[in-house]
Amino acid sequence: MFPGGKKGMKDLMKQAQKMQQDLAKAQEELASKIVEGTSGGGMVKVEMNGKNQVLSLKIDPEVVDPNDIEMLEDLIIAAINEAQEKVSKSSEDEMSKLTGGMKIPGLL
């Protein structure tokens, strides 16, 4: 028998449903959150949403050198990686709030 009987099981199910609803809400909020990644002292800027989708890319014309395309490519990659790190950190922080710091496999 479950500790606390039927009432205990019912309470546990309510808590699980609330946590599931809170999790769904947090995931929606994270998906709509927009972060910015930059590189080259702000010469390259990337905006990304919580689903890791790039929304915009801005490149300062001064950083465009036809003789050094590799540098521009590296700056774009660095800006995207920074934005992805911010999304990941934001997701971890939000999930940590919901789970009380417990690491629950499959939530991230």
Protein backbone atom coordinates (compact mmCIF):
# COMPACT_ATOMS: atom_id res chain seq x y z
CA MET A 1 0.00 0.00 0.00
CA PHE A 2 1.14 3.55 -0.71
CA PRO A 3 2.23 5.54 2.39
CA GLY A 4 -0.67 7.77 3.36
CA GLY A 5 -3.17 5.57 1.55
CA LYS A 6 -5.37 6.90 -1.24
CA LYS A 7 -5.16 10.47 0.05
CA GLY A 8 -1.36 10.37 -0.05
CA MET A 9 -1.41 9.01 -3.59
CA LYS A 10 -3.96 11.65 -4.64
CA ASP A 11 -1.79 14.44 -3.16
CA LEU A 12 1.27 13.06 -4.92
CA MET A 13 -0.59 13.01 -8.25
CA LYS A 14 -1.71 16.63 -7.74
CA GLN A 15 1.89 17.65 -7.05
CA ALA A 16 3.08 15.82 -10.15
CA GLN A 17 0.42 17.51 -12.30
CA LYS A 18 1.34 20.94 -10.92
CA MET A 19 5.03 20.30 -11.60
CA GLN A 20 4.18 19.21 -15.14
CA GLN A 21 2.13 22.38 -15.70
CA ASP A 22 4.90 24.55 -14.24
CA LEU A 23 7.43 22.81 -16.45
CA ALA A 24 5.34 23.37 -19.59
CA LYS A 25 4.92 27.05 -18.71
CA ALA A 26 8.66 27.45 -18.07
CA GLN A 27 9.48 25.80 -21.40
CA GLU A 28 7.11 28.19 -23.21
CA GLU A 29 8.71 31.18 -21.48
CA LEU A 30 12.19 29.95 -22.32
CA ALA A 31 11.26 29.41 -25.97
CA SER A 32 10.12 33.03 -26.26
CA LYS A 33 13.15 34.46 -24.44
CA ILE A 34 15.64 36.25 -26.69
CA VAL A 35 19.36 36.38 -25.96
CA GLU A 36 22.18 38.15 -27.73
CA GLY A 37 25.63 36.82 -28.47
CA THR A 38 28.40 39.10 -29.64
CA SER A 39 31.99 38.83 -30.82
CA GLY A 40 34.70 41.11 -32.09
CA GLY A 41 33.83 43.77 -29.53
CA GLY A 42 30.26 43.91 -30.78
CA MET A 43 31.14 43.88 -34.47
CA VAL A 44 29.07 40.69 -34.90
CA LYS A 45 25.76 40.29 -33.06
CA VAL A 46 23.40 37.33 -33.05
CA GLU A 47 19.92 37.21 -31.54
CA MET A 48 18.62 33.75 -30.66
CA ASN A 49 15.47 32.46 -29.03
CA GLY A 50 15.21 29.82 -26.33
CA LYS A 51 14.86 27.12 -28.99
CA ASN A 52 18.38 27.94 -30.23
CA GLN A 53 16.98 29.43 -33.42
CA VAL A 54 18.95 32.37 -34.83
CA LEU A 55 16.53 35.29 -35.23
CA SER A 56 18.93 37.92 -36.52
CA LEU A 57 22.54 38.43 -37.46
CA LYS A 58 24.16 41.88 -37.64
CA ILE A 59 27.64 42.40 -39.05
CA ASP A 60 29.41 45.75 -38.83
CA PRO A 61 30.71 46.59 -42.34
CA GLU A 62 34.13 47.42 -40.87
CA VAL A 63 34.71 43.76 -40.04
CA VAL A 64 34.07 42.61 -43.61
CA ASP A 65 37.43 42.10 -45.28
CA PRO A 66 37.28 40.16 -48.56
CA ASN A 67 40.89 39.10 -47.96
CA ASP A 68 40.09 37.61 -44.55
CA ILE A 69 36.78 35.75 -44.80
CA GLU A 70 38.01 33.20 -42.21
CA MET A 71 38.08 35.87 -39.50
CA LEU A 72 34.49 36.87 -40.26
CA GLU A 73 33.41 33.23 -40.19
CA ASP A 74 35.14 32.78 -36.81
CA LEU A 75 33.42 35.88 -35.41
CA ILE A 76 30.01 34.62 -36.54
CA ILE A 77 30.64 31.21 -34.98
CA ALA A 78 31.81 32.82 -31.73
CA ALA A 79 28.71 35.02 -31.52
CA ILE A 80 26.40 32.06 -32.15
CA ASN A 81 28.20 29.94 -29.56
CA GLU A 82 27.93 32.72 -26.97
CA ALA A 83 24.19 33.04 -27.61
CA GLN A 84 23.76 29.26 -27.31
CA GLU A 85 25.63 29.26 -23.99
CA LYS A 86 23.28 31.98 -22.71
CA VAL A 87 20.22 29.97 -23.77
CA SER A 88 21.61 26.86 -22.07
CA LYS A 89 22.42 28.74 -18.85
CA SER A 90 18.97 30.33 -18.81
CA SER A 91 17.34 26.91 -19.28
CA GLU A 92 19.42 25.37 -16.51
CA ASP A 93 18.58 28.22 -14.13
CA GLU A 94 14.85 27.98 -14.84
CA MET A 95 14.73 24.20 -14.49
CA SER A 96 16.74 24.41 -11.27
CA LYS A 97 14.07 26.70 -9.83
CA LEU A 98 11.36 24.17 -10.68
CA THR A 99 13.21 21.11 -9.44
CA GLY A 100 14.77 22.64 -6.35
CA GLY A 101 18.22 22.03 -7.79
CA MET A 102 17.70 18.31 -8.39
CA LYS A 103 19.04 17.01 -11.70
CA ILE A 104 16.17 15.16 -13.36
CA PRO A 105 17.19 13.28 -16.52
CA GLY A 106 15.29 14.31 -19.63
CA LEU A 107 14.24 17.80 -18.47
CA LEU A 108 16.92 19.62 -20.45
